[in-house]
Amino acid sequence: MNTYHGEHNKKIIFVDKSMVVPYNPCLLMKYDCHINVEYCRSIMGIKYIYNNDEAKNAKISNEIRDYIDCRYLSASESAWRIFELPLHGRSHSVGRLPVHLPGVNRVLFEEGKESEAIAKNGDTKLTAFFQLNKIAKEARQIKYEDIPLQYKW
């Protein structure tokens, strides 16, 4: 018998094997989560599963009709539906603009292909921003964060 000392209420609780939920180690390893299982050791367990009273008294219902009957439409949602406006959607996408020191940008590579990866990924959005400022005078007035609104990478 083990004991547990509660931190928040300072109570001592005695713990034994009856408090452990049954589980299967094979299922635990396969699915990487706890699945509580028990073995049916007699025919009575099978009879209980297939002949229990809840199955006999189960009520058949139309869930779609119940949803429509119980649904509340507000005035604003009704107006949106009358004018056939979209009820959901995305308004903005977020793009990440890298910031790094000169020559210290991140490059992902496979072992043995380092030089190819550096040649391929040497330029970043930040270095392209500086190249654009060298070429185009009007781009010098635009902040780094606003460049994606005016130019494509």
N, C-alpha and C. Protein backbone atom coordinates (compact mmCIF):
# COMPACT_ATOMS: atom_id res chain seq x y z
N MET A 1 0.85 -1.17 0.00
CA MET A 1 0.00 0.00 0.00
C MET A 1 0.90 1.23 0.00
N ASN A 2 0.61 2.17 -0.91
CA ASN A 2 1.36 3.41 -1.03
C ASN A 2 0.54 4.57 -0.48
N THR A 3 1.21 5.65 -0.16
CA THR A 3 0.51 6.84 0.31
C THR A 3 0.79 8.01 -0.60
N TYR A 4 -0.16 8.91 -0.65
CA TYR A 4 -0.04 10.13 -1.45
C TYR A 4 -0.29 11.31 -0.51
N HIS A 5 0.63 12.25 -0.49
CA HIS A 5 0.48 13.46 0.32
C HIS A 5 0.02 14.59 -0.59
N GLY A 6 -1.18 15.07 -0.39
CA GLY A 6 -1.72 16.15 -1.22
C GLY A 6 -1.01 17.46 -0.94
N GLU A 7 -0.64 18.16 -2.01
CA GLU A 7 0.06 19.44 -1.86
C GLU A 7 -0.91 20.57 -1.52
N HIS A 8 -2.08 20.55 -2.13
CA HIS A 8 -3.00 21.68 -1.96
C HIS A 8 -3.87 21.57 -0.72
N ASN A 9 -4.17 20.35 -0.27
CA ASN A 9 -5.05 20.24 0.90
C ASN A 9 -4.40 19.50 2.07
N LYS A 10 -3.14 19.11 1.93
CA LYS A 10 -2.34 18.48 3.00
C LYS A 10 -2.98 17.20 3.54
N LYS A 11 -3.81 16.52 2.75
CA LYS A 11 -4.41 15.27 3.18
C LYS A 11 -3.52 14.10 2.77
N ILE A 12 -3.58 13.04 3.53
CA ILE A 12 -2.86 11.82 3.19
C ILE A 12 -3.88 10.83 2.65
N ILE A 13 -3.61 10.33 1.45
CA ILE A 13 -4.51 9.38 0.81
C ILE A 13 -3.76 8.07 0.64
N PHE A 14 -4.37 6.98 1.03
CA PHE A 14 -3.78 5.66 0.85
C PHE A 14 -4.21 5.11 -0.51
N VAL A 15 -3.23 4.67 -1.29
CA VAL A 15 -3.48 4.23 -2.66
C VAL A 15 -3.14 2.75 -2.76
N ASP A 16 -4.06 1.97 -3.36
CA ASP A 16 -3.77 0.57 -3.64
C ASP A 16 -4.10 0.26 -5.09
N LYS A 17 -4.00 -1.00 -5.49
CA LYS A 17 -4.17 -1.38 -6.90
C LYS A 17 -5.61 -1.19 -7.40
N SER A 18 -6.56 -1.06 -6.51
CA SER A 18 -7.95 -0.90 -6.95
C SER A 18 -8.18 0.45 -7.61
N MET A 19 -7.27 1.41 -7.42
CA MET A 19 -7.43 2.74 -8.01
C MET A 19 -6.79 2.84 -9.39
N VAL A 20 -6.16 1.78 -9.86
CA VAL A 20 -5.49 1.80 -11.17
C VAL A 20 -6.49 1.36 -12.23
N VAL A 21 -6.61 2.14 -13.28
CA VAL A 21 -7.52 1.82 -14.37
C VAL A 21 -6.91 0.70 -15.21
N PRO A 22 -7.68 -0.33 -15.57
CA PRO A 22 -7.13 -1.41 -16.39
C PRO A 22 -6.74 -0.91 -17.78
N TYR A 23 -5.61 -1.37 -18.26
CA TYR A 23 -5.14 -0.97 -19.59
C TYR A 23 -4.39 -2.13 -20.21
N ASN A 24 -4.13 -2.03 -21.51
CA ASN A 24 -3.42 -3.06 -22.25
C ASN A 24 -2.10 -2.47 -22.73
N PRO A 25 -0.95 -3.04 -22.30
CA PRO A 25 0.35 -2.46 -22.70
C PRO A 25 0.58 -2.48 -24.21
N CYS A 26 0.06 -3.49 -24.90
CA CYS A 26 0.23 -3.56 -26.37
C CYS A 26 -0.49 -2.39 -27.04
N LEU A 27 -1.73 -2.11 -26.61
CA LEU A 27 -2.48 -0.99 -27.18
C LEU A 27 -1.83 0.34 -26.80
N LEU A 28 -1.27 0.41 -25.61
CA LEU A 28 -0.58 1.62 -25.17
C LEU A 28 0.61 1.92 -26.07
N MET A 29 1.39 0.92 -26.41
CA MET A 29 2.56 1.12 -27.27
C MET A 29 2.13 1.41 -28.72
N LYS A 30 1.09 0.72 -29.20
CA LYS A 30 0.67 0.88 -30.60
C LYS A 30 0.08 2.25 -30.86
N TYR A 31 -0.83 2.71 -29.99
CA TYR A 31 -1.55 3.96 -30.24
C TYR A 31 -0.98 5.15 -29.46
N ASP A 32 0.02 4.91 -28.61
CA ASP A 32 0.68 5.96 -27.83
C ASP A 32 -0.32 6.77 -26.99
N CYS A 33 -1.30 6.06 -26.43
CA CYS A 33 -2.26 6.70 -25.53
C CYS A 33 -2.89 5.61 -24.66
N HIS A 34 -3.49 6.02 -23.57
CA HIS A 34 -4.14 5.06 -22.68
C HIS A 34 -5.51 4.68 -23.23
N ILE A 35 -5.75 3.39 -23.33
CA ILE A 35 -7.05 2.87 -23.74
C ILE A 35 -7.49 1.92 -22.63
N ASN A 36 -8.55 2.25 -21.95
CA ASN A 36 -9.02 1.43 -20.84
C ASN A 36 -9.77 0.23 -21.39
N VAL A 37 -9.31 -0.97 -21.06
CA VAL A 37 -9.93 -2.19 -21.57
C VAL A 37 -10.11 -3.19 -20.43
N GLU A 38 -11.04 -4.07 -20.63
CA GLU A 38 -11.22 -5.21 -19.74
C GLU A 38 -11.60 -6.40 -20.59
N TYR A 39 -11.24 -7.58 -20.12
CA TYR A 39 -11.56 -8.81 -20.84
C TYR A 39 -12.96 -9.27 -20.44
N CYS A 40 -13.73 -9.77 -21.42
CA CYS A 40 -15.01 -10.43 -21.12
C CYS A 40 -14.68 -11.88 -20.85
N ARG A 41 -14.85 -12.31 -19.63
CA ARG A 41 -14.44 -13.66 -19.24
C ARG A 41 -15.58 -14.67 -19.29
N SER A 42 -16.79 -14.19 -19.52
CA SER A 42 -17.90 -15.14 -19.54
C SER A 42 -18.91 -14.71 -20.59
N ILE A 43 -19.83 -15.58 -20.86
CA ILE A 43 -20.89 -15.30 -21.83
C ILE A 43 -21.82 -14.21 -21.31
N MET A 44 -21.88 -14.01 -20.01
CA MET A 44 -22.76 -12.99 -19.43
C MET A 44 -22.31 -11.59 -19.85
N GLY A 45 -21.02 -11.40 -20.02
CA GLY A 45 -20.52 -10.10 -20.48
C GLY A 45 -20.99 -9.79 -21.88
N ILE A 46 -20.97 -10.79 -22.76
CA ILE A 46 -21.44 -10.61 -24.13
C ILE A 46 -22.95 -10.36 -24.13
N LYS A 47 -23.69 -11.10 -23.32
CA LYS A 47 -25.14 -10.88 -23.23
C LYS A 47 -25.44 -9.47 -22.74
N TYR A 48 -24.65 -8.98 -21.80
CA TYR A 48 -24.87 -7.63 -21.27
C TYR A 48 -24.67 -6.59 -22.37
N ILE A 49 -23.65 -6.78 -23.19
CA ILE A 49 -23.37 -5.81 -24.25
C ILE A 49 -24.51 -5.77 -25.27
N TYR A 50 -25.01 -6.94 -25.67
CA TYR A 50 -26.01 -6.97 -26.74
C TYR A 50 -27.45 -6.96 -26.26
N ASN A 51 -27.72 -7.22 -25.01
CA ASN A 51 -29.10 -7.29 -24.53
C ASN A 51 -29.39 -6.34 -23.38
N ASN A 52 -28.63 -5.28 -23.24
CA ASN A 52 -28.90 -4.42 -22.09
C ASN A 52 -30.18 -3.62 -22.30
N ASP A 53 -30.71 -3.10 -21.24
CA ASP A 53 -32.00 -2.41 -21.27
C ASP A 53 -31.93 -1.10 -22.04
N GLU A 54 -30.77 -0.46 -22.07
CA GLU A 54 -30.65 0.81 -22.79
C GLU A 54 -30.86 0.62 -24.28
N ALA A 55 -30.38 -0.49 -24.83
CA ALA A 55 -30.55 -0.74 -26.26
C ALA A 55 -32.02 -0.97 -26.60
N LYS A 56 -32.76 -1.59 -25.71
CA LYS A 56 -34.18 -1.83 -25.96
C LYS A 56 -34.98 -0.53 -25.92
N ASN A 57 -34.58 0.39 -25.06
CA ASN A 57 -35.31 1.64 -24.89
C ASN A 57 -34.71 2.79 -25.70
N ALA A 58 -33.82 2.48 -26.62
CA ALA A 58 -33.17 3.55 -27.40
C ALA A 58 -34.20 4.27 -28.24
N LYS A 59 -34.12 5.58 -28.24
CA LYS A 59 -35.06 6.40 -28.99
C LYS A 59 -34.44 6.76 -30.33
N ILE A 60 -35.18 6.53 -31.39
CA ILE A 60 -34.72 6.88 -32.72
C ILE A 60 -35.07 8.34 -32.96
N SER A 61 -34.08 9.13 -33.37
CA SER A 61 -34.33 10.55 -33.58
C SER A 61 -33.68 11.01 -34.87
N ASN A 62 -34.25 12.04 -35.44
CA ASN A 62 -33.71 12.67 -36.64
C ASN A 62 -32.91 13.88 -36.18
N GLU A 63 -31.58 13.73 -36.13
CA GLU A 63 -30.74 14.79 -35.58
C GLU A 63 -30.75 16.04 -36.44
N ILE A 64 -30.87 15.91 -37.74
CA ILE A 64 -30.89 17.08 -38.62
C ILE A 64 -32.15 17.89 -38.39
N ARG A 65 -33.30 17.21 -38.32
CA ARG A 65 -34.55 17.91 -38.06
C ARG A 65 -34.52 18.58 -36.68
N ASP A 66 -33.99 17.87 -35.68
CA ASP A 66 -33.88 18.46 -34.34
C ASP A 66 -33.01 19.70 -34.35
N TYR A 67 -31.92 19.69 -35.12
CA TYR A 67 -31.04 20.86 -35.21
C TYR A 67 -31.78 22.04 -35.84
N ILE A 68 -32.50 21.79 -36.93
CA ILE A 68 -33.22 22.87 -37.61
C ILE A 68 -34.35 23.40 -36.72
N ASP A 69 -35.06 22.51 -36.04
CA ASP A 69 -36.16 22.93 -35.18
C ASP A 69 -35.68 23.74 -33.98
N CYS A 70 -34.52 23.45 -33.47
CA CYS A 70 -34.03 24.12 -32.26
C CYS A 70 -33.07 25.27 -32.55
N ARG A 71 -32.86 25.59 -33.79
CA ARG A 71 -31.87 26.59 -34.16
C ARG A 71 -32.45 27.99 -34.03
N TYR A 72 -31.64 28.91 -33.58
CA TYR A 72 -32.04 30.30 -33.43
C TYR A 72 -31.31 31.13 -34.47
N LEU A 73 -32.05 31.89 -35.25
CA LEU A 73 -31.46 32.80 -36.22
C LEU A 73 -31.65 34.23 -35.72
N SER A 74 -30.55 34.92 -35.56
CA SER A 74 -30.65 36.32 -35.15
C SER A 74 -30.94 37.19 -36.37
N ALA A 75 -31.24 38.44 -36.13
CA ALA A 75 -31.54 39.37 -37.22
C ALA A 75 -30.32 39.57 -38.11
N SER A 76 -29.15 39.68 -37.51
CA SER A 76 -27.95 39.91 -38.32
C SER A 76 -27.62 38.71 -39.18
N GLU A 77 -27.73 37.50 -38.63
CA GLU A 77 -27.46 36.31 -39.45
C GLU A 77 -28.49 36.18 -40.56
N SER A 78 -29.74 36.48 -40.28
CA SER A 78 -30.78 36.42 -41.31
C SER A 78 -30.48 37.39 -42.44
N ALA A 79 -30.05 38.60 -42.11
CA ALA A 79 -29.71 39.58 -43.14
C ALA A 79 -28.53 39.10 -43.98
N TRP A 80 -27.53 38.53 -43.34
CA TRP A 80 -26.37 38.01 -44.09
C TRP A 80 -26.81 36.91 -45.05
N ARG A 81 -27.73 36.05 -44.60
CA ARG A 81 -28.19 34.96 -45.46
C ARG A 81 -29.08 35.48 -46.60
N ILE A 82 -29.92 36.48 -46.34
CA ILE A 82 -30.76 37.05 -47.39
C ILE A 82 -29.91 37.66 -48.48
N PHE A 83 -28.86 38.38 -48.10
CA PHE A 83 -27.98 39.02 -49.09
C PHE A 83 -26.91 38.07 -49.63
N GLU A 84 -26.98 36.80 -49.21
CA GLU A 84 -26.06 35.75 -49.65
C GLU A 84 -24.60 36.13 -49.45
N LEU A 85 -24.30 36.74 -48.31
CA LEU A 85 -22.93 37.09 -47.96
C LEU A 85 -22.27 35.89 -47.28
N PRO A 86 -20.97 35.75 -47.41
CA PRO A 86 -20.30 34.61 -46.76
C PRO A 86 -20.34 34.76 -45.24
N LEU A 87 -20.64 33.65 -44.54
CA LEU A 87 -20.73 33.69 -43.09
C LEU A 87 -19.38 33.51 -42.42
N HIS A 88 -18.42 32.97 -43.13
CA HIS A 88 -17.09 32.80 -42.56
C HIS A 88 -16.06 32.93 -43.67
N GLY A 89 -14.85 33.16 -43.27
CA GLY A 89 -13.78 33.29 -44.25
C GLY A 89 -12.53 33.83 -43.59
N ARG A 90 -11.48 33.91 -44.38
CA ARG A 90 -10.22 34.45 -43.86
C ARG A 90 -10.03 35.84 -44.43
N SER A 91 -9.60 36.74 -43.59
CA SER A 91 -9.39 38.10 -44.07
C SER A 91 -7.92 38.42 -44.26
N HIS A 92 -7.05 37.85 -43.45
CA HIS A 92 -5.63 38.16 -43.54
C HIS A 92 -4.82 36.88 -43.43
N SER A 93 -3.74 36.84 -44.15
CA SER A 93 -2.78 35.76 -43.95
C SER A 93 -1.52 36.38 -43.36
N VAL A 94 -0.85 35.62 -42.54
CA VAL A 94 0.34 36.11 -41.87
C VAL A 94 1.56 35.45 -42.48
N GLY A 95 2.48 36.26 -42.92
CA GLY A 95 3.73 35.74 -43.46
C GLY A 95 4.89 36.12 -42.55
N ARG A 96 5.83 35.21 -42.38
CA ARG A 96 6.96 35.45 -41.50
C ARG A 96 8.10 36.06 -42.30
N LEU A 97 8.61 37.17 -41.85
CA LEU A 97 9.75 37.83 -42.49
C LEU A 97 10.98 37.59 -41.63
N PRO A 98 11.96 36.86 -42.16
CA PRO A 98 13.14 36.54 -41.34
C PRO A 98 14.02 37.76 -41.10
N VAL A 99 14.61 37.80 -39.93
CA VAL A 99 15.58 38.84 -39.57
C VAL A 99 16.82 38.11 -39.05
N HIS A 100 17.97 38.43 -39.61
CA HIS A 100 19.21 37.77 -39.20
C HIS A 100 20.39 38.69 -39.44
N LEU A 101 21.50 38.35 -38.86
CA LEU A 101 22.74 39.10 -39.06
C LEU A 101 23.33 38.74 -40.42
N PRO A 102 24.18 39.58 -40.98
CA PRO A 102 24.78 39.27 -42.29
C PRO A 102 25.57 37.96 -42.25
N GLY A 103 25.23 37.07 -43.17
CA GLY A 103 25.91 35.78 -43.27
C GLY A 103 25.56 34.77 -42.20
N VAL A 104 24.52 35.03 -41.41
CA VAL A 104 24.14 34.13 -40.32
C VAL A 104 22.70 33.63 -40.51
N ASN A 105 22.25 33.52 -41.75
CA ASN A 105 20.89 33.03 -41.97
C ASN A 105 20.84 31.51 -41.86
N ARG A 106 19.66 30.99 -41.57
CA ARG A 106 19.47 29.55 -41.39
C ARG A 106 19.34 28.87 -42.75
N VAL A 107 20.03 27.75 -42.89
CA VAL A 107 19.95 26.95 -44.11
C VAL A 107 19.78 25.50 -43.68
N LEU A 108 18.71 24.86 -44.16
CA LEU A 108 18.49 23.44 -43.89
C LEU A 108 19.13 22.64 -45.00
N PHE A 109 19.83 21.56 -44.62
CA PHE A 109 20.53 20.78 -45.62
C PHE A 109 20.59 19.32 -45.21
N GLU A 110 20.81 18.46 -46.20
CA GLU A 110 21.05 17.05 -45.95
C GLU A 110 22.55 16.84 -45.85
N GLU A 111 22.92 15.84 -45.10
CA GLU A 111 24.34 15.58 -44.91
C GLU A 111 25.00 15.25 -46.24
N GLY A 112 26.09 15.92 -46.53
CA GLY A 112 26.81 15.72 -47.78
C GLY A 112 26.41 16.70 -48.87
N LYS A 113 25.33 17.45 -48.67
CA LYS A 113 24.85 18.41 -49.67
C LYS A 113 24.86 19.83 -49.13
N GLU A 114 25.82 20.14 -48.27
CA GLU A 114 25.86 21.44 -47.62
C GLU A 114 26.09 22.58 -48.61
N SER A 115 27.06 22.41 -49.51
CA SER A 115 27.39 23.50 -50.44
C SER A 115 26.25 23.79 -51.41
N GLU A 116 25.53 22.74 -51.84
CA GLU A 116 24.38 22.94 -52.73
C GLU A 116 23.28 23.71 -52.01
N ALA A 117 23.04 23.37 -50.75
CA ALA A 117 21.98 24.04 -49.98
C ALA A 117 22.33 25.50 -49.73
N ILE A 118 23.60 25.79 -49.47
CA ILE A 118 24.00 27.19 -49.24
C ILE A 118 23.85 28.00 -50.51
N ALA A 119 24.24 27.41 -51.66
CA ALA A 119 24.10 28.13 -52.93
C ALA A 119 22.63 28.35 -53.27
N LYS A 120 21.79 27.36 -52.97
CA LYS A 120 20.37 27.45 -53.31
C LYS A 120 19.61 28.38 -52.36
N ASN A 121 19.92 28.32 -51.07
CA ASN A 121 19.17 29.07 -50.05
C ASN A 121 19.96 30.22 -49.45
N GLY A 122 20.97 30.69 -50.13
CA GLY A 122 21.79 31.77 -49.60
C GLY A 122 21.04 33.08 -49.48
N ASP A 123 20.13 33.34 -50.41
CA ASP A 123 19.35 34.57 -50.36
C ASP A 123 18.07 34.35 -49.56
N THR A 124 17.79 35.28 -48.67
CA THR A 124 16.56 35.24 -47.89
C THR A 124 15.70 36.45 -48.26
N LYS A 125 14.55 36.55 -47.66
CA LYS A 125 13.69 37.71 -47.91
C LYS A 125 14.37 38.99 -47.44
N LEU A 126 15.14 38.90 -46.37
CA LEU A 126 15.83 40.08 -45.87
C LEU A 126 16.93 40.52 -46.84
N THR A 127 17.71 39.58 -47.36
CA THR A 127 18.76 39.95 -48.32
C THR A 127 18.14 40.44 -49.63
N ALA A 128 16.99 39.86 -50.02
CA ALA A 128 16.29 40.34 -51.21
C ALA A 128 15.78 41.76 -51.00
N PHE A 129 15.36 42.09 -49.79
CA PHE A 129 14.92 43.45 -49.47
C PHE A 129 16.07 44.45 -49.66
N PHE A 130 17.26 44.09 -49.21
CA PHE A 130 18.41 44.98 -49.38
C PHE A 130 18.82 45.09 -50.84
N GLN A 131 18.72 44.00 -51.60
CA GLN A 131 19.01 44.05 -53.03
C GLN A 131 18.02 44.96 -53.75
N LEU A 132 16.74 44.87 -53.36
CA LEU A 132 15.71 45.73 -53.96
C LEU A 132 15.99 47.20 -53.67
N ASN A 133 16.44 47.51 -52.46
CA ASN A 133 16.77 48.89 -52.12
C ASN A 133 17.95 49.43 -52.92
N LYS A 134 18.86 48.55 -53.32
CA LYS A 134 19.98 48.98 -54.17
C LYS A 134 19.50 49.31 -55.58
N ILE A 135 18.52 48.53 -56.07
CA ILE A 135 18.07 48.66 -57.46
C ILE A 135 17.02 49.76 -57.61
N ALA A 136 15.97 49.72 -56.78
CA ALA A 136 14.82 50.62 -56.94
C ALA A 136 14.82 51.70 -55.87
N LYS A 137 14.85 52.96 -56.32
CA LYS A 137 14.86 54.08 -55.37
C LYS A 137 13.52 54.22 -54.64
N GLU A 138 12.40 53.93 -55.35
CA GLU A 138 11.09 54.07 -54.71
C GLU A 138 10.89 53.04 -53.60
N ALA A 139 11.60 51.91 -53.67
CA ALA A 139 11.47 50.88 -52.63
C ALA A 139 12.13 51.31 -51.33
N ARG A 140 13.01 52.28 -51.38
CA ARG A 140 13.70 52.74 -50.18
C ARG A 140 12.75 53.44 -49.21
N GLN A 141 11.61 53.88 -49.70
CA GLN A 141 10.62 54.56 -48.85
C GLN A 141 9.69 53.57 -48.14
N ILE A 142 9.76 52.31 -48.53
CA ILE A 142 8.84 51.29 -48.00
C ILE A 142 9.55 50.51 -46.89
N LYS A 143 8.84 50.27 -45.79
CA LYS A 143 9.39 49.49 -44.70
C LYS A 143 9.46 48.02 -45.09
N TYR A 144 10.34 47.28 -44.44
CA TYR A 144 10.52 45.85 -44.69
C TYR A 144 9.21 45.08 -44.51
N GLU A 145 8.44 45.44 -43.50
CA GLU A 145 7.18 44.74 -43.23
C GLU A 145 6.11 45.03 -44.27
N ASP A 146 6.25 46.15 -45.02
CA ASP A 146 5.25 46.51 -46.03
C ASP A 146 5.65 46.09 -47.44
N ILE A 147 6.84 45.56 -47.62
CA ILE A 147 7.30 45.13 -48.95
C ILE A 147 6.37 44.07 -49.56
N PRO A 148 5.88 43.07 -48.81
CA PRO A 148 4.99 42.08 -49.43
C PRO A 148 3.69 42.67 -49.99
N LEU A 149 3.31 43.87 -49.55
CA LEU A 149 2.11 44.50 -50.09
C LEU A 149 2.37 45.11 -51.47
N GLN A 150 3.62 45.46 -51.76
CA GLN A 150 3.97 46.13 -53.01
C GLN A 150 4.68 45.22 -54.01
N TYR A 151 5.42 44.23 -53.52
CA TYR A 151 6.25 43.38 -54.37
C TYR A 151 5.98 41.91 -54.06
N LYS A 152 6.35 41.05 -55.00
CA LYS A 152 6.29 39.60 -54.81
C LYS A 152 7.70 39.09 -54.59
N TRP A 153 7.87 38.10 -53.74
CA TRP A 153 9.20 37.55 -53.48
C TRP A 153 9.61 36.65 -54.62
